[in-house]
Amino acid sequence: MPGLLLHYGALMMCAHPPGLVTVPAPVQQRVLVGPQPVLTGADMFLVAGCSFPAMTMGAPPCTSVTWLQVSTRVRVNGLPVLLQPTPVGVAPAIGVGTPPPNPPLVMAMQFRVQGM
């Protein structure tokens, strides 16, 4: 499935605002989309500030994100790049930590480079 290449500067939130999804440091630094490195399947996503009501629901808040849609054709250093099917909206990923895994929201990203 085609989609836009996800990059280090993309703004993402977990399903429980204001949880901010960040990548501490991209695995690769050589292939760029604009000024930002392209994210690959080896990158780790962390969540900070998830507002999931852990005490009332009995489950922990979101702690990380697992990306589900990777490119089958485009690779960087042998690793598949991450794809986002729509420019803004629900990501093809799941939040790790909450019992029903909820997808994060992509708020801003690049619109020029696509992959399959």
Protein backbone atom coordinates (compact mmCIF):
# COMPACT_ATOMS: atom_id res chain seq x y z
CA MET A 1 0.00 0.00 0.00
CA PRO A 2 1.47 3.40 -0.94
CA GLY A 3 1.93 6.16 1.57
CA LEU A 4 3.97 9.18 2.54
CA LEU A 5 7.42 8.60 4.04
CA LEU A 6 7.42 9.34 7.76
CA HIS A 7 10.26 11.55 8.99
CA TYR A 8 11.87 12.53 12.26
CA GLY A 9 10.10 15.92 12.43
CA ALA A 10 6.54 14.55 12.13
CA LEU A 11 4.24 15.70 14.94
CA MET A 12 2.31 12.81 16.53
CA MET A 13 0.12 12.33 19.60
CA CYS A 14 -1.12 9.19 21.33
CA ALA A 15 -4.87 8.53 21.38
CA HIS A 16 -5.08 10.19 24.83
CA PRO A 17 -4.07 13.85 24.40
CA PRO A 18 -1.77 15.53 25.28
CA GLY A 19 0.47 12.44 24.94
CA LEU A 20 3.30 13.43 22.61
CA VAL A 21 4.89 10.68 20.50
CA THR A 22 8.60 11.22 19.87
CA VAL A 23 11.56 9.39 18.39
CA PRO A 24 14.58 9.93 20.68
CA ALA A 25 17.14 9.64 17.85
CA PRO A 26 16.61 8.30 14.34
CA VAL A 27 18.53 5.11 13.55
CA GLN A 28 19.79 6.48 10.24
CA GLN A 29 20.93 10.06 9.53
CA ARG A 30 21.93 9.92 5.85
CA VAL A 31 18.66 9.78 3.89
CA LEU A 32 16.63 12.97 4.37
CA VAL A 33 13.20 14.24 3.43
CA GLY A 34 13.78 17.97 3.40
CA PRO A 35 16.00 18.59 6.42
CA GLN A 36 14.70 15.61 8.46
CA PRO A 37 15.92 11.97 8.49
CA VAL A 38 13.51 9.34 7.16
CA LEU A 39 12.25 6.92 9.83
CA THR A 40 12.75 3.18 9.38
CA GLY A 41 11.39 0.02 10.95
CA ALA A 42 14.23 0.07 13.48
CA ASP A 43 13.22 3.43 15.01
CA MET A 44 11.65 3.46 18.47
CA PHE A 45 8.65 5.67 19.32
CA LEU A 46 8.15 6.83 22.91
CA VAL A 47 5.06 8.49 24.43
CA ALA A 48 5.29 11.26 27.03
CA GLY A 49 2.30 12.75 28.85
CA CYS A 50 -0.39 10.19 28.05
CA SER A 51 -3.57 11.13 29.91
CA PHE A 52 -5.10 7.62 30.03
CA PRO A 53 -6.83 7.32 33.44
CA ALA A 54 -4.69 4.48 34.77
CA MET A 55 -6.07 4.54 38.29
CA THR A 56 -9.74 4.26 37.31
CA MET A 57 -9.29 1.83 34.40
CA GLY A 58 -6.65 -0.39 36.01
CA ALA A 59 -4.27 -0.24 33.04
CA PRO A 60 -1.05 1.66 32.42
CA PRO A 61 -0.93 4.70 30.12
CA CYS A 62 0.64 4.57 26.65
CA THR A 63 4.41 4.19 26.82
CA SER A 64 5.47 3.47 23.24
CA VAL A 65 4.15 3.02 19.71
CA THR A 66 4.62 0.12 17.30
CA TRP A 67 4.43 1.16 13.63
CA LEU A 68 2.59 -1.38 11.46
CA GLN A 69 2.91 -0.07 7.89
CA VAL A 70 6.40 -0.33 6.42
CA SER A 71 7.46 -0.04 2.81
CA THR A 72 7.87 -3.20 0.76
CA ARG A 73 9.93 -1.49 -1.95
CA VAL A 74 11.80 1.45 -0.40
CA ARG A 75 14.66 0.68 1.98
CA VAL A 76 17.30 2.75 3.73
CA ASN A 77 20.46 0.86 4.73
CA GLY A 78 18.51 -2.38 4.25
CA LEU A 79 15.68 -1.28 6.57
CA PRO A 80 12.13 -0.60 5.32
CA VAL A 81 10.97 3.00 5.66
CA LEU A 82 7.78 3.82 7.59
CA LEU A 83 4.71 4.92 5.65
CA GLN A 84 1.69 7.03 6.60
CA PRO A 85 -1.28 6.46 4.23
CA THR A 86 -2.86 9.88 4.77
CA PRO A 87 -1.14 13.20 5.45
CA VAL A 88 -3.01 13.90 8.68
CA GLY A 89 -5.05 11.45 10.73
CA VAL A 90 -4.92 8.06 12.38
CA ALA A 91 -1.55 6.32 12.00
CA PRO A 92 -1.11 2.69 10.94
CA ALA A 93 0.33 1.94 14.36
CA ILE A 94 -0.74 0.86 17.84
CA GLY A 95 -0.06 2.36 21.23
CA VAL A 96 1.64 -0.02 23.63
CA GLY A 97 0.62 0.06 27.28
CA THR A 98 -3.15 0.43 27.20
CA PRO A 99 -5.32 -2.71 27.07
CA PRO A 100 -7.24 -1.78 23.96
CA PRO A 101 -4.33 -0.73 21.71
CA ASN A 102 -5.24 2.65 20.24
CA PRO A 103 -3.61 4.16 17.14
CA PRO A 104 -1.72 7.44 17.51
CA LEU A 105 -2.66 10.56 15.55
CA VAL A 106 -0.33 12.19 13.03
CA MET A 107 -0.82 15.95 13.27
CA ALA A 108 1.82 17.25 10.83
CA MET A 109 4.28 15.67 8.39
CA GLN A 110 5.83 16.12 4.94
CA PHE A 111 3.58 15.80 1.86
CA ARG A 112 6.06 15.48 -1.02
CA VAL A 113 7.74 12.05 -0.91
CA GLN A 114 5.78 8.82 -1.28
CA GLY A 115 6.77 5.18 -1.18
CA MET A 116 5.28 1.73 -1.58
